[in-house]
Amino acid sequence: MSCERPSQRSAPRPRSPSLQTDDANRSHALQGTLQRCDRAARLVEQLLTLSRLESGAAPTLVTVDVNAAAAVRASEAAEQLRPGRSGEALRRRKPLNPRTR
């Protein structure tokens, strides 16, 4: 954040190679963190399911319309591939199974 008045701002300076490398490293670290968080969330869901099964509780069954799920996934993919979008959205995948969300 700058303390300059808007009329006093200069043109943005080109990013140095080291800043670009820092951004790439930061982005890579963020993607890894997101993947590990997704994995941890799936593990927690599996542990909760196991706990429910061991306690004798009846499992909750969900009917899934595969065609509707595929249509939603296809429209999400089409939106991500739309011209002008960065490839960033393609790197993170959501699970298709609604119980693992």
PDB file of N, CA and C in Angstrom:
ATOM      1  N   MET A   1       0.842  -1.167   0.000  1.00  0.00           N
ATOM      2  CA  MET A   1       0.000   0.000   0.000  1.00  0.00           C
ATOM      3  C   MET A   1       0.885   1.226   0.000  1.00  0.00           C
ATOM      4  N   SER A   2       0.507   2.216  -0.755  1.00  0.00           N
ATOM      5  CA  SER A   2       1.312   3.412  -0.901  1.00  0.00           C
ATOM      6  C   SER A   2       0.640   4.589  -0.213  1.00  0.00           C
ATOM      7  N   CYS A   3       1.452   5.471   0.328  1.00  0.00           N
ATOM      8  CA  CYS A   3       0.924   6.675   0.976  1.00  0.00           C
ATOM      9  C   CYS A   3       0.831   7.840   0.005  1.00  0.00           C
ATOM     10  N   GLU A   4       1.229   7.637  -1.217  1.00  0.00           N
ATOM     11  CA  GLU A   4       1.192   8.704  -2.209  1.00  0.00           C
ATOM     12  C   GLU A   4      -0.239   8.985  -2.627  1.00  0.00           C
ATOM     13  N   ARG A   5      -0.469  10.205  -3.042  1.00  0.00           N
ATOM     14  CA  ARG A   5      -1.771  10.545  -3.596  1.00  0.00           C
ATOM     15  C   ARG A   5      -1.867   9.948  -4.994  1.00  0.00           C
ATOM     16  N   PRO A   6      -3.093   9.643  -5.459  1.00  0.00           N
ATOM     17  CA  PRO A   6      -3.241   9.019  -6.779  1.00  0.00           C
ATOM     18  C   PRO A   6      -2.577   9.800  -7.900  1.00  0.00           C
ATOM     19  N   SER A   7      -2.578  11.105  -7.830  1.00  0.00           N
ATOM     20  CA  SER A   7      -1.986  11.898  -8.908  1.00  0.00           C
ATOM     21  C   SER A   7      -0.466  11.839  -8.894  1.00  0.00           C
ATOM     22  N   GLN A   8       0.129  11.409  -7.771  1.00  0.00           N
ATOM     23  CA  GLN A   8       1.585  11.358  -7.667  1.00  0.00           C
ATOM     24  C   GLN A   8       2.154   9.972  -7.952  1.00  0.00           C
ATOM     25  N   ARG A   9       1.322   9.009  -8.192  1.00  0.00           N
ATOM     26  CA  ARG A   9       1.817   7.654  -8.430  1.00  0.00           C
ATOM     27  C   ARG A   9       2.565   7.577  -9.747  1.00  0.00           C
ATOM     28  N   SER A  10       3.630   6.830  -9.727  1.00  0.00           N
ATOM     29  CA  SER A  10       4.391   6.625 -10.956  1.00  0.00           C
ATOM     30  C   SER A  10       3.908   5.347 -11.631  1.00  0.00           C
ATOM     31  N   ALA A  11       4.359   5.152 -12.839  1.00  0.00           N
ATOM     32  CA  ALA A  11       3.988   3.934 -13.576  1.00  0.00           C
ATOM     33  C   ALA A  11       4.546   2.720 -12.845  1.00  0.00           C
ATOM     34  N   PRO A  12       3.838   1.595 -12.883  1.00  0.00           N
ATOM     35  CA  PRO A  12       4.339   0.406 -12.182  1.00  0.00           C
ATOM     36  C   PRO A  12       5.678  -0.038 -12.751  1.00  0.00           C
ATOM     37  N   ARG A  13       6.548  -0.420 -11.853  1.00  0.00           N
ATOM     38  CA  ARG A  13       7.873  -0.873 -12.278  1.00  0.00           C
ATOM     39  C   ARG A  13       7.799  -2.314 -12.755  1.00  0.00           C
ATOM     40  N   PRO A  14       8.592  -2.674 -13.747  1.00  0.00           N
ATOM     41  CA  PRO A  14       8.599  -4.070 -14.191  1.00  0.00           C
ATOM     42  C   PRO A  14       9.113  -4.954 -13.057  1.00  0.00           C
ATOM     43  N   ARG A  15       8.563  -6.146 -12.964  1.00  0.00           N
ATOM     44  CA  ARG A  15       8.957  -7.066 -11.902  1.00  0.00           C
ATOM     45  C   ARG A  15      10.337  -7.634 -12.211  1.00  0.00           C
ATOM     46  N   SER A  16      11.132  -7.717 -11.182  1.00  0.00           N
ATOM     47  CA  SER A  16      12.456  -8.298 -11.365  1.00  0.00           C
ATOM     48  C   SER A  16      12.337  -9.813 -11.434  1.00  0.00           C
ATOM     49  N   PRO A  17      13.310 -10.480 -12.021  1.00  0.00           N
ATOM     50  CA  PRO A  17      13.255 -11.945 -12.112  1.00  0.00           C
ATOM     51  C   PRO A  17      13.141 -12.607 -10.741  1.00  0.00           C
ATOM     52  N   SER A  18      13.780 -12.024  -9.722  1.00  0.00           N
ATOM     53  CA  SER A  18      13.708 -12.642  -8.395  1.00  0.00           C
ATOM     54  C   SER A  18      12.298 -12.555  -7.826  1.00  0.00           C
ATOM     55  N   LEU A  19      11.575 -11.457  -8.096  1.00  0.00           N
ATOM     56  CA  LEU A  19      10.193 -11.344  -7.634  1.00  0.00           C
ATOM     57  C   LEU A  19       9.299 -12.325  -8.369  1.00  0.00           C
ATOM     58  N   GLN A  20       9.554 -12.523  -9.656  1.00  0.00           N
ATOM     59  CA  GLN A  20       8.775 -13.487 -10.414  1.00  0.00           C
ATOM     60  C   GLN A  20       9.018 -14.900  -9.881  1.00  0.00           C
ATOM     61  N   THR A  21      10.256 -15.193  -9.527  1.00  0.00           N
ATOM     62  CA  THR A  21      10.586 -16.493  -8.952  1.00  0.00           C
ATOM     63  C   THR A  21       9.891 -16.657  -7.613  1.00  0.00           C
ATOM     64  N   ASP A  22       9.888 -15.596  -6.794  1.00  0.00           N
ATOM     65  CA  ASP A  22       9.189 -15.642  -5.505  1.00  0.00           C
ATOM     66  C   ASP A  22       7.703 -15.918  -5.702  1.00  0.00           C
ATOM     67  N   ASP A  23       7.102 -15.253  -6.698  1.00  0.00           N
ATOM     68  CA  ASP A  23       5.687 -15.484  -6.984  1.00  0.00           C
ATOM     69  C   ASP A  23       5.445 -16.928  -7.408  1.00  0.00           C
ATOM     70  N   ALA A  24       6.331 -17.459  -8.233  1.00  0.00           N
ATOM     71  CA  ALA A  24       6.187 -18.849  -8.682  1.00  0.00           C
ATOM     72  C   ALA A  24       6.330 -19.806  -7.503  1.00  0.00           C
ATOM     73  N   ASN A  25       7.299 -19.540  -6.631  1.00  0.00           N
ATOM     74  CA  ASN A  25       7.480 -20.390  -5.449  1.00  0.00           C
ATOM     75  C   ASN A  25       6.272 -20.307  -4.521  1.00  0.00           C
ATOM     76  N   ARG A  26       5.755 -19.096  -4.353  1.00  0.00           N
ATOM     77  CA  ARG A  26       4.594 -18.897  -3.500  1.00  0.00           C
ATOM     78  C   ARG A  26       3.377 -19.634  -4.071  1.00  0.00           C
ATOM     79  N   SER A  27       3.193 -19.533  -5.375  1.00  0.00           N
ATOM     80  CA  SER A  27       2.076 -20.212  -6.027  1.00  0.00           C
ATOM     81  C   SER A  27       2.213 -21.726  -5.894  1.00  0.00           C
ATOM     82  N   HIS A  28       3.422 -22.226  -6.095  1.00  0.00           N
ATOM     83  CA  HIS A  28       3.674 -23.663  -5.966  1.00  0.00           C
ATOM     84  C   HIS A  28       3.398 -24.129  -4.533  1.00  0.00           C
ATOM     85  N   ALA A  29       3.850 -23.362  -3.560  1.00  0.00           N
ATOM     86  CA  ALA A  29       3.618 -23.718  -2.153  1.00  0.00           C
ATOM     87  C   ALA A  29       2.133 -23.694  -1.823  1.00  0.00           C
ATOM     88  N   LEU A  30       1.422 -22.711  -2.359  1.00  0.00           N
ATOM     89  CA  LEU A  30      -0.019 -22.621  -2.116  1.00  0.00           C
ATOM     90  C   LEU A  30      -0.742 -23.830  -2.705  1.00  0.00           C
ATOM     91  N   GLN A  31      -0.382 -24.219  -3.920  1.00  0.00           N
ATOM     92  CA  GLN A  31      -1.009 -25.384  -4.549  1.00  0.00           C
ATOM     93  C   GLN A  31      -0.751 -26.641  -3.726  1.00  0.00           C
ATOM     94  N   GLY A  32       0.469 -26.797  -3.233  1.00  0.00           N
ATOM     95  CA  GLY A  32       0.786 -27.955  -2.392  1.00  0.00           C
ATOM     96  C   GLY A  32      -0.016 -27.943  -1.099  1.00  0.00           C
ATOM     97  N   THR A  33      -0.160 -26.765  -0.509  1.00  0.00           N
ATOM     98  CA  THR A  33      -0.941 -26.640   0.722  1.00  0.00           C
ATOM     99  C   THR A  33      -2.403 -26.987   0.474  1.00  0.00           C
ATOM    100  N   LEU A  34      -2.954 -26.510  -0.631  1.00  0.00           N
ATOM    101  CA  LEU A  34      -4.344 -26.824  -0.964  1.00  0.00           C
ATOM    102  C   LEU A  34      -4.540 -28.321  -1.172  1.00  0.00           C
ATOM    103  N   GLN A  35      -3.598 -28.956  -1.833  1.00  0.00           N
ATOM    104  CA  GLN A  35      -3.697 -30.400  -2.053  1.00  0.00           C
ATOM    105  C   GLN A  35      -3.639 -31.154  -0.730  1.00  0.00           C
ATOM    106  N   ARG A  36      -2.745 -30.733   0.168  1.00  0.00           N
ATOM    107  CA  ARG A  36      -2.648 -31.402   1.465  1.00  0.00           C
ATOM    108  C   ARG A  36      -3.895 -31.164   2.309  1.00  0.00           C
ATOM    109  N   CYS A  37      -4.480 -29.970   2.213  1.00  0.00           N
ATOM    110  CA  CYS A  37      -5.729 -29.689   2.942  1.00  0.00           C
ATOM    111  C   CYS A  37      -6.868 -30.563   2.418  1.00  0.00           C
ATOM    112  N   ASP A  38      -6.948 -30.717   1.102  1.00  0.00           N
ATOM    113  CA  ASP A  38      -7.974 -31.588   0.520  1.00  0.00           C
ATOM    114  C   ASP A  38      -7.777 -33.028   0.988  1.00  0.00           C
ATOM    115  N   ARG A  39      -6.542 -33.466   1.020  1.00  0.00           N
ATOM    116  CA  ARG A  39      -6.250 -34.833   1.462  1.00  0.00           C
ATOM    117  C   ARG A  39      -6.628 -35.008   2.930  1.00  0.00           C
ATOM    118  N   ALA A  40      -6.300 -34.018   3.757  1.00  0.00           N
ATOM    119  CA  ALA A  40      -6.651 -34.089   5.181  1.00  0.00           C
ATOM    120  C   ALA A  40      -8.168 -34.103   5.365  1.00  0.00           C
ATOM    121  N   ALA A  41      -8.889 -33.328   4.575  1.00  0.00           N
ATOM    122  CA  ALA A  41     -10.353 -33.297   4.665  1.00  0.00           C
ATOM    123  C   ALA A  41     -10.933 -34.664   4.300  1.00  0.00           C
ATOM    124  N   ARG A  42     -10.386 -35.303   3.267  1.00  0.00           N
ATOM    125  CA  ARG A  42     -10.854 -36.641   2.892  1.00  0.00           C
ATOM    126  C   ARG A  42     -10.567 -37.649   4.008  1.00  0.00           C
ATOM    127  N   LEU A  43      -9.397 -37.535   4.626  1.00  0.00           N
ATOM    128  CA  LEU A  43      -9.043 -38.428   5.718  1.00  0.00           C
ATOM    129  C   LEU A  43     -10.003 -38.252   6.896  1.00  0.00           C
ATOM    130  N   VAL A  44     -10.329 -37.016   7.241  1.00  0.00           N
ATOM    131  CA  VAL A  44     -11.268 -36.750   8.329  1.00  0.00           C
ATOM    132  C   VAL A  44     -12.634 -37.348   7.998  1.00  0.00           C
ATOM    133  N   GLU A  45     -13.096 -37.172   6.760  1.00  0.00           N
ATOM    134  CA  GLU A  45     -14.381 -37.753   6.347  1.00  0.00           C
ATOM    135  C   GLU A  45     -14.363 -39.267   6.484  1.00  0.00           C
ATOM    136  N   GLN A  46     -13.256 -39.892   6.075  1.00  0.00           N
ATOM    137  CA  GLN A  46     -13.152 -41.350   6.182  1.00  0.00           C
ATOM    138  C   GLN A  46     -13.144 -41.795   7.638  1.00  0.00           C
ATOM    139  N   LEU A  47     -12.443 -41.054   8.504  1.00  0.00           N
ATOM    140  CA  LEU A  47     -12.413 -41.399   9.922  1.00  0.00           C
ATOM    141  C   LEU A  47     -13.789 -41.232  10.567  1.00  0.00           C
ATOM    142  N   LEU A  48     -14.502 -40.184  10.184  1.00  0.00           N
ATOM    143  CA  LEU A  48     -15.854 -39.993  10.707  1.00  0.00           C
ATOM    144  C   LEU A  48     -16.781 -41.118  10.261  1.00  0.00           C
ATOM    145  N   THR A  49     -16.655 -41.515   9.005  1.00  0.00           N
ATOM    146  CA  THR A  49     -17.469 -42.620   8.489  1.00  0.00           C
ATOM    147  C   THR A  49     -17.146 -43.908   9.238  1.00  0.00           C
ATOM    148  N   LEU A  50     -15.880 -44.175   9.430  1.00  0.00           N
ATOM    149  CA  LEU A  50     -15.468 -45.371  10.169  1.00  0.00           C
ATOM    150  C   LEU A  50     -16.009 -45.340  11.596  1.00  0.00           C
ATOM    151  N   SER A  51     -15.934 -44.202  12.235  1.00  0.00           N
ATOM    152  CA  SER A  51     -16.446 -44.060  13.593  1.00  0.00           C
ATOM    153  C   SER A  51     -17.945 -44.326  13.653  1.00  0.00           C
ATOM    154  N   ARG A  52     -18.684 -43.791  12.685  1.00  0.00           N
ATOM    155  CA  ARG A  52     -20.135 -44.012  12.640  1.00  0.00           C
ATOM    156  C   ARG A  52     -20.452 -45.494  12.435  1.00  0.00           C
ATOM    157  N   LEU A  53     -19.705 -46.142  11.551  1.00  0.00           N
ATOM    158  CA  LEU A  53     -19.938 -47.562  11.281  1.00  0.00           C
ATOM    159  C   LEU A  53     -19.631 -48.410  12.510  1.00  0.00           C
ATOM    160  N   GLU A  54     -18.547 -48.080  13.209  1.00  0.00           N
ATOM    161  CA  GLU A  54     -18.171 -48.847  14.385  1.00  0.00           C
ATOM    162  C   GLU A  54     -19.148 -48.643  15.534  1.00  0.00           C
ATOM    163  N   SER A  55     -19.812 -47.483  15.594  1.00  0.00           N
ATOM    164  CA  SER A  55     -20.760 -47.230  16.675  1.00  0.00           C
ATOM    165  C   SER A  55     -22.103 -47.902  16.418  1.00  0.00           C
ATOM    166  N   GLY A  56     -22.280 -48.474  15.252  1.00  0.00           N
ATOM    167  CA  GLY A  56     -23.517 -49.157  14.920  1.00  0.00           C
ATOM    168  C   GLY A  56     -24.547 -48.272  14.267  1.00  0.00           C
ATOM    169  N   ALA A  57     -24.216 -47.028  14.026  1.00  0.00           N
ATOM    170  CA  ALA A  57     -25.155 -46.116  13.367  1.00  0.00           C
ATOM    171  C   ALA A  57     -25.322 -46.545  11.917  1.00  0.00           C
ATOM    172  N   ALA A  58     -26.527 -46.422  11.446  1.00  0.00           N
ATOM    173  CA  ALA A  58     -26.797 -46.767  10.045  1.00  0.00           C
ATOM    174  C   ALA A  58     -26.148 -45.733   9.135  1.00  0.00           C
ATOM    175  N   PRO A  59     -25.468 -46.187   8.105  1.00  0.00           N
ATOM    176  CA  PRO A  59     -24.841 -45.228   7.192  1.00  0.00           C
ATOM    177  C   PRO A  59     -25.894 -44.435   6.422  1.00  0.00           C
ATOM    178  N   THR A  60     -25.557 -43.199   6.126  1.00  0.00           N
ATOM    179  CA  THR A  60     -26.435 -42.354   5.329  1.00  0.00           C
ATOM    180  C   THR A  60     -26.124 -42.595   3.868  1.00  0.00           C
ATOM    181  N   LEU A  61     -27.098 -43.100   3.154  1.00  0.00           N
ATOM    182  CA  LEU A  61     -26.909 -43.358   1.727  1.00  0.00           C
ATOM    183  C   LEU A  61     -27.496 -42.207   0.933  1.00  0.00           C
ATOM    184  N   VAL A  62     -26.787 -41.828  -0.092  1.00  0.00           N
ATOM    185  CA  VAL A  62     -27.209 -40.717  -0.925  1.00  0.00           C
ATOM    186  C   VAL A  62     -27.346 -41.210  -2.356  1.00  0.00           C
ATOM    187  N   THR A  63     -28.455 -40.887  -2.980  1.00  0.00           N
ATOM    188  CA  THR A  63     -28.641 -41.215  -4.386  1.00  0.00           C
ATOM    189  C   THR A  63     -28.045 -40.079  -5.207  1.00  0.00           C
ATOM    190  N   VAL A  64     -27.195 -40.432  -6.141  1.00  0.00           N
ATOM    191  CA  VAL A  64     -26.530 -39.431  -6.970  1.00  0.00           C
ATOM    192  C   VAL A  64     -26.918 -39.657  -8.422  1.00  0.00           C
ATOM    193  N   ASP A  65     -27.383 -38.602  -9.053  1.00  0.00           N
ATOM    194  CA  ASP A  65     -27.690 -38.659 -10.485  1.00  0.00           C
ATOM    195  C   ASP A  65     -26.373 -38.433 -11.229  1.00  0.00           C
ATOM    196  N   VAL A  66     -25.819 -39.494 -11.754  1.00  0.00           N
ATOM    197  CA  VAL A  66     -24.513 -39.433 -12.406  1.00  0.00           C
ATOM    198  C   VAL A  66     -24.545 -38.495 -13.614  1.00  0.00           C
ATOM    199  N   ASN A  67     -25.628 -38.507 -14.367  1.00  0.00           N
ATOM    200  CA  ASN A  67     -25.724 -37.628 -15.534  1.00  0.00           C
ATOM    201  C   ASN A  67     -25.705 -36.161 -15.120  1.00  0.00           C
ATOM    202  N   ALA A  68     -26.424 -35.828 -14.046  1.00  0.00           N
ATOM    203  CA  ALA A  68     -26.438 -34.440 -13.574  1.00  0.00           C
ATOM    204  C   ALA A  68     -25.062 -34.044 -13.045  1.00  0.00           C
ATOM    205  N   ALA A  69     -24.401 -34.953 -12.318  1.00  0.00           N
ATOM    206  CA  ALA A  69     -23.065 -34.659 -11.800  1.00  0.00           C
ATOM    207  C   ALA A  69     -22.083 -34.447 -12.946  1.00  0.00           C
ATOM    208  N   ALA A  70     -22.184 -35.256 -13.976  1.00  0.00           N
ATOM    209  CA  ALA A  70     -21.300 -35.105 -15.137  1.00  0.00           C
ATOM    210  C   ALA A  70     -21.579 -33.789 -15.864  1.00  0.00           C
ATOM    211  N   ALA A  71     -22.844 -33.405 -15.954  1.00  0.00           N
ATOM    212  CA  ALA A  71     -23.187 -32.143 -16.619  1.00  0.00           C
ATOM    213  C   ALA A  71     -22.625 -30.962 -15.847  1.00  0.00           C
ATOM    214  N   VAL A  72     -22.720 -31.008 -14.523  1.00  0.00           N
ATOM    215  CA  VAL A  72     -22.163 -29.923 -13.700  1.00  0.00           C
ATOM    216  C   VAL A  72     -20.657 -29.862 -13.887  1.00  0.00           C
ATOM    217  N   ARG A  73     -20.010 -31.013 -13.839  1.00  0.00           N
ATOM    218  CA  ARG A  73     -18.553 -31.054 -14.000  1.00  0.00           C
ATOM    219  C   ARG A  73     -18.137 -30.544 -15.382  1.00  0.00           C
ATOM    220  N   ALA A  74     -18.883 -30.896 -16.419  1.00  0.00           N
ATOM    221  CA  ALA A  74     -18.570 -30.444 -17.775  1.00  0.00           C
ATOM    222  C   ALA A  74     -18.726 -28.930 -17.893  1.00  0.00           C
ATOM    223  N   SER A  75     -19.772 -28.376 -17.276  1.00  0.00           N
ATOM    224  CA  SER A  75     -19.953 -26.918 -17.358  1.00  0.00           C
ATOM    225  C   SER A  75     -18.864 -26.199 -16.583  1.00  0.00           C
ATOM    226  N   GLU A  76     -18.413 -26.767 -15.443  1.00  0.00           N
ATOM    227  CA  GLU A  76     -17.303 -26.161 -14.696  1.00  0.00           C
ATOM    228  C   GLU A  76     -16.026 -26.177 -15.536  1.00  0.00           C
ATOM    229  N   ALA A  77     -15.776 -27.305 -16.199  1.00  0.00           N
ATOM    230  CA  ALA A  77     -14.581 -27.414 -17.033  1.00  0.00           C
ATOM    231  C   ALA A  77     -14.645 -26.446 -18.206  1.00  0.00           C
ATOM    232  N   ALA A  78     -15.814 -26.312 -18.816  1.00  0.00           N
ATOM    233  CA  ALA A  78     -15.964 -25.381 -19.937  1.00  0.00           C
ATOM    234  C   ALA A  78     -15.713 -23.950 -19.484  1.00  0.00           C
ATOM    235  N   GLU A  79     -16.182 -23.607 -18.288  1.00  0.00           N
ATOM    236  CA  GLU A  79     -15.961 -22.258 -17.754  1.00  0.00           C
ATOM    237  C   GLU A  79     -14.475 -22.005 -17.513  1.00  0.00           C
ATOM    238  N   GLN A  80     -13.774 -23.011 -17.017  1.00  0.00           N
ATOM    239  CA  GLN A  80     -12.345 -22.862 -16.751  1.00  0.00           C
ATOM    240  C   GLN A  80     -11.533 -22.769 -18.030  1.00  0.00           C
ATOM    241  N   LEU A  81     -12.019 -23.358 -19.103  1.00  0.00           N
ATOM    242  CA  LEU A  81     -11.289 -23.332 -20.374  1.00  0.00           C
ATOM    243  C   LEU A  81     -11.648 -22.132 -21.234  1.00  0.00           C
ATOM    244  N   ARG A  82     -12.577 -21.320 -20.746  1.00  0.00           N
ATOM    245  CA  ARG A  82     -13.015 -20.135 -21.488  1.00  0.00           C
ATOM    246  C   ARG A  82     -11.811 -19.228 -21.770  1.00  0.00           C
ATOM    247  N   PRO A  83     -11.726 -18.652 -22.972  1.00  0.00           N
ATOM    248  CA  PRO A  83     -10.610 -17.753 -23.295  1.00  0.00           C
ATOM    249  C   PRO A  83     -10.542 -16.608 -22.291  1.00  0.00           C
ATOM    250  N   GLY A  84      -9.314 -16.259 -21.926  1.00  0.00           N
ATOM    251  CA  GLY A  84      -9.111 -15.171 -20.986  1.00  0.00           C
ATOM    252  C   GLY A  84      -8.925 -15.637 -19.560  1.00  0.00           C
ATOM    253  N   ARG A  85      -9.211 -16.907 -19.286  1.00  0.00           N
ATOM    254  CA  ARG A  85      -9.008 -17.439 -17.938  1.00  0.00           C
ATOM    255  C   ARG A  85      -7.583 -17.966 -17.831  1.00  0.00           C
ATOM    256  N   SER A  86      -6.999 -17.839 -16.662  1.00  0.00           N
ATOM    257  CA  SER A  86      -5.657 -18.386 -16.479  1.00  0.00           C
ATOM    258  C   SER A  86      -5.771 -19.884 -16.226  1.00  0.00           C
ATOM    259  N   GLY A  87      -4.691 -20.586 -16.367  1.00  0.00           N
ATOM    260  CA  GLY A  87      -4.673 -22.020 -16.131  1.00  0.00           C
ATOM    261  C   GLY A  87      -4.694 -22.367 -14.653  1.00  0.00           C
ATOM    262  N   GLU A  88      -4.649 -21.366 -13.771  1.00  0.00           N
ATOM    263  CA  GLU A  88      -4.608 -21.599 -12.331  1.00  0.00           C
ATOM    264  C   GLU A  88      -5.792 -22.431 -11.855  1.00  0.00           C
ATOM    265  N   ALA A  89      -6.976 -22.171 -12.396  1.00  0.00           N
ATOM    266  CA  ALA A  89      -8.174 -22.876 -11.946  1.00  0.00           C
ATOM    267  C   ALA A  89      -8.128 -24.361 -12.313  1.00  0.00           C
ATOM    268  N   LEU A  90      -7.355 -24.712 -13.324  1.00  0.00           N
ATOM    269  CA  LEU A  90      -7.301 -26.105 -13.753  1.00  0.00           C
ATOM    270  C   LEU A  90      -6.420 -26.950 -12.854  1.00  0.00           C
ATOM    271  N   ARG A  91      -5.581 -26.332 -12.057  1.00  0.00           N
ATOM    272  CA  ARG A  91      -4.643 -27.086 -11.247  1.00  0.00           C
ATOM    273  C   ARG A  91      -5.286 -27.688 -10.013  1.00  0.00           C
ATOM    274  N   ARG A  92      -6.390 -27.120  -9.534  1.00  0.00           N
ATOM    275  CA  ARG A  92      -7.044 -27.612  -8.325  1.00  0.00           C
ATOM    276  C   ARG A  92      -8.320 -28.322  -8.716  1.00  0.00           C
ATOM    277  N   ARG A  93      -8.443 -29.564  -8.339  1.00  0.00           N
ATOM    278  CA  ARG A  93      -9.625 -30.344  -8.687  1.00  0.00           C
ATOM    279  C   ARG A  93     -10.493 -30.542  -7.458  1.00  0.00           C
ATOM    280  N   LYS A  94     -11.778 -30.507  -7.675  1.00  0.00           N
ATOM    281  CA  LYS A  94     -12.727 -30.808  -6.612  1.00  0.00           C
ATOM    282  C   LYS A  94     -13.096 -32.280  -6.735  1.00  0.00           C
ATOM    283  N   PRO A  95     -13.348 -32.938  -5.611  1.00  0.00           N
ATOM    284  CA  PRO A  95     -13.762 -34.327  -5.698  1.00  0.00           C
ATOM    285  C   PRO A  95     -15.153 -34.429  -6.309  1.00  0.00           C
ATOM    286  N   LEU A  96     -15.394 -35.486  -7.095  1.00  0.00           N
ATOM    287  CA  LEU A  96     -16.691 -35.671  -7.741  1.00  0.00           C
ATOM    288  C   LEU A  96     -17.704 -36.240  -6.765  1.00  0.00           C
ATOM    289  N   ASN A  97     -17.256 -37.040  -5.802  1.00  0.00           N
ATOM    290  CA  ASN A  97     -18.151 -37.660  -4.830  1.00  0.00           C
ATOM    291  C   ASN A  97     -18.661 -36.594  -3.868  1.00  0.00           C
ATOM    292  N   PRO A  98     -19.990 -36.347  -3.789  1.00  0.00           N
ATOM    293  CA  PRO A  98     -20.500 -35.282  -2.925  1.00  0.00           C
ATOM    294  C   PRO A  98     -20.274 -35.538  -1.442  1.00  0.00           C
ATOM    295  N   ARG A  99     -20.074 -36.786  -1.052  1.00  0.00           N
ATOM    296  CA  ARG A  99     -19.853 -37.078   0.365  1.00  0.00           C
ATOM    297  C   ARG A  99     -18.454 -36.691   0.819  1.00  0.00           C
ATOM    298  N   THR A 100     -17.500 -36.463  -0.093  1.00  0.00           N
ATOM    299  CA  THR A 100     -16.132 -36.116   0.287  1.00  0.00           C
ATOM    300  C   THR A 100     -15.884 -34.630   0.234  1.00  0.00           C
ATOM    301  N   ARG A 101     -16.897 -33.840  -0.034  1.00  0.00           N
ATOM    302  CA  ARG A 101     -16.702 -32.386  -0.086  1.00  0.00           C
ATOM    303  C   ARG A 101     -16.626 -31.782   1.274  1.00  0.00           C
TER     304      ARG A 101
END
